[in-house]
Every structure is written in structure tokens, then in C-alpha cells.
Amino acid sequence: MSEWLEDIKERFVKYQTDYNLNGEDVEWLIQQAKKTELLNAEIETLQSKWEAQGLMIQKLHRENQRYKQALELIYKDTFYDSENDLVSPIHVIRKRAEKALEEEI
């Protein structure tokens, strides 16, 4: 419970006959304030998790784009017009995969 709310609670107990509220009313208000504090803490936790998930989604999107580009280059580099144009596809594939993996964050 916040210090301010605790102070209000203590002052009410001392001077409860001076207010036009009964103890049940004040206790209900205190319970509502406690619930509000808990809910606000939960909101902060959820916002942090949401932000972290957003960052993870961005990272995965960038990674996915790199892999897509690598696959497109592999497809392009392994195409040949004739048997004389054949360069070792395994070498090309290995180099493209190596480059894509080096770019991981």
C-alpha cells in the first residue's frame, strides 16, 4: 500500500467520528486502492512483456528476411544454361549459407 494511502488510513482511525463515513466505507475504499495498485503493477509487467515480444518479432522478421534473400541467391547462383557453365553448386551454397549465418545477431 502506498505511503499516502497508509497515512489516510491512520488518520481516519484516529478521527473517524469527525467524518461522515463509516468504517466499512473507508475499508472498502482502501481495498479498492489496494486493488488499483496491484492492477497498475500488473499493467506495467504486461507492457514490459509486450515490448519484449515486439522486439523479438522484429528480430525474427529481420532474420527471416536474411534467410529469404540467401535462398533467392542460392536459387539464382545454382542456375546454369549449359553443362559447361556449371560451377560447383555445393561451394556456392556453402558460401551463401555461411554469409547468412554470419549476419545473425
Protein backbone atom coordinates (compact mmCIF):
# COMPACT_ATOMS: atom_id res chain seq x y z
CA MET A 1 0.00 0.00 0.00
CA SER A 2 1.32 3.46 -0.81
CA GLU A 3 2.51 5.73 1.99
CA TRP A 4 -0.19 8.24 1.18
CA LEU A 5 -2.94 5.66 1.45
CA GLU A 6 -1.44 4.33 4.68
CA ASP A 7 -1.41 7.87 6.10
CA ILE A 8 -5.07 8.38 5.16
CA LYS A 9 -5.96 5.10 6.82
CA GLU A 10 -4.15 6.03 10.04
CA ARG A 11 -5.76 9.49 10.18
CA PHE A 12 -9.20 8.02 9.62
CA VAL A 13 -8.76 5.58 12.50
CA LYS A 14 -7.78 8.46 14.80
CA TYR A 15 -10.57 10.81 13.73
CA GLN A 16 -13.28 8.55 12.32
CA THR A 17 -16.03 10.23 14.36
CA ASP A 18 -15.30 13.57 12.62
CA TYR A 19 -16.08 12.24 9.11
CA ASN A 20 -19.41 11.43 7.56
CA LEU A 21 -18.21 7.96 6.60
CA ASN A 22 -18.44 4.74 8.48
CA GLY A 23 -15.60 2.27 8.86
CA GLU A 24 -17.00 -0.04 6.22
CA ASP A 25 -16.97 2.74 3.64
CA VAL A 26 -13.36 3.61 4.32
CA GLU A 27 -12.32 -0.05 4.40
CA TRP A 28 -13.99 -0.53 1.01
CA LEU A 29 -12.13 2.50 -0.37
CA ILE A 30 -8.84 1.17 0.98
CA GLN A 31 -9.47 -2.23 -0.60
CA GLN A 32 -10.21 -0.54 -3.93
CA ALA A 33 -6.98 1.44 -3.69
CA LYS A 34 -5.02 -1.76 -2.97
CA LYS A 35 -6.62 -3.46 -5.97
CA THR A 36 -5.76 -0.47 -8.13
CA GLU A 37 -2.11 -0.64 -7.06
CA LEU A 38 -1.98 -4.35 -7.88
CA LEU A 39 -3.61 -3.81 -11.26
CA ASN A 40 -1.21 -0.98 -12.10
CA ALA A 41 1.74 -3.23 -11.26
CA GLU A 42 0.27 -5.95 -13.49
CA ILE A 43 -0.19 -3.44 -16.32
CA GLU A 44 3.48 -2.43 -16.08
CA THR A 45 4.55 -6.07 -16.17
CA LEU A 46 2.38 -6.82 -19.19
CA GLN A 47 3.62 -3.72 -21.02
CA SER A 48 7.22 -4.81 -20.48
CA LYS A 49 6.45 -8.28 -21.79
CA TRP A 50 4.63 -6.83 -24.79
CA GLU A 51 7.57 -4.59 -25.64
CA ALA A 52 9.97 -7.53 -25.35
CA GLN A 53 7.79 -9.61 -27.64
CA GLY A 54 7.67 -6.77 -30.15
CA LEU A 55 11.46 -6.63 -30.20
CA MET A 56 11.62 -10.41 -30.65
CA ILE A 57 9.17 -10.22 -33.56
CA GLN A 58 11.29 -7.52 -35.22
CA LYS A 59 14.43 -9.64 -34.76
CA LEU A 60 12.74 -12.72 -36.19
CA HIS A 61 11.43 -10.70 -39.13
CA ARG A 62 14.95 -9.46 -39.96
CA GLU A 63 16.31 -12.99 -39.63
CA ASN A 64 13.56 -14.33 -41.86
CA GLN A 65 14.36 -11.70 -44.49
CA ARG A 66 18.06 -12.66 -44.44
CA TYR A 67 17.21 -16.33 -44.96
CA LYS A 68 14.82 -15.49 -47.77
CA GLN A 69 17.49 -13.40 -49.50
CA ALA A 70 20.03 -16.19 -49.06
CA LEU A 71 17.64 -18.72 -50.59
CA GLU A 72 16.90 -16.42 -53.52
CA LEU A 73 20.63 -16.00 -54.16
CA ILE A 74 21.22 -19.75 -53.90
CA TYR A 75 18.45 -20.34 -56.41
CA LYS A 76 19.93 -17.73 -58.77
CA ASP A 77 23.54 -18.88 -58.35
CA THR A 78 22.83 -22.56 -58.94
CA PHE A 79 21.08 -21.94 -62.25
CA TYR A 80 23.19 -22.64 -65.31
CA ASP A 81 22.47 -22.55 -69.03
CA SER A 82 24.66 -25.42 -70.12
CA GLU A 83 26.81 -28.14 -68.67
CA ASN A 84 29.92 -26.06 -69.45
CA ASP A 85 28.71 -23.21 -67.19
CA LEU A 86 28.43 -25.43 -64.13
CA VAL A 87 30.26 -24.08 -61.10
CA SER A 88 30.31 -26.25 -58.02
CA PRO A 89 26.82 -25.63 -56.57
CA ILE A 90 27.92 -27.04 -53.23
CA HIS A 91 30.60 -24.37 -52.94
CA VAL A 92 28.12 -21.60 -53.81
CA ILE A 93 25.51 -22.94 -51.41
CA ARG A 94 28.05 -23.22 -48.61
CA LYS A 95 29.22 -19.63 -49.11
CA ARG A 96 25.66 -18.25 -49.18
CA ALA A 97 24.69 -20.20 -46.07
CA GLU A 98 27.87 -19.07 -44.31
CA LYS A 99 27.13 -15.42 -45.12
CA ALA A 100 23.53 -15.70 -43.91
CA LEU A 101 24.60 -17.30 -40.67
CA GLU A 102 27.33 -14.72 -40.03
CA GLU A 103 24.75 -11.95 -40.12
CA GLU A 104 22.81 -13.38 -37.17
CA ILE A 105 22.52 -11.01 -34.27
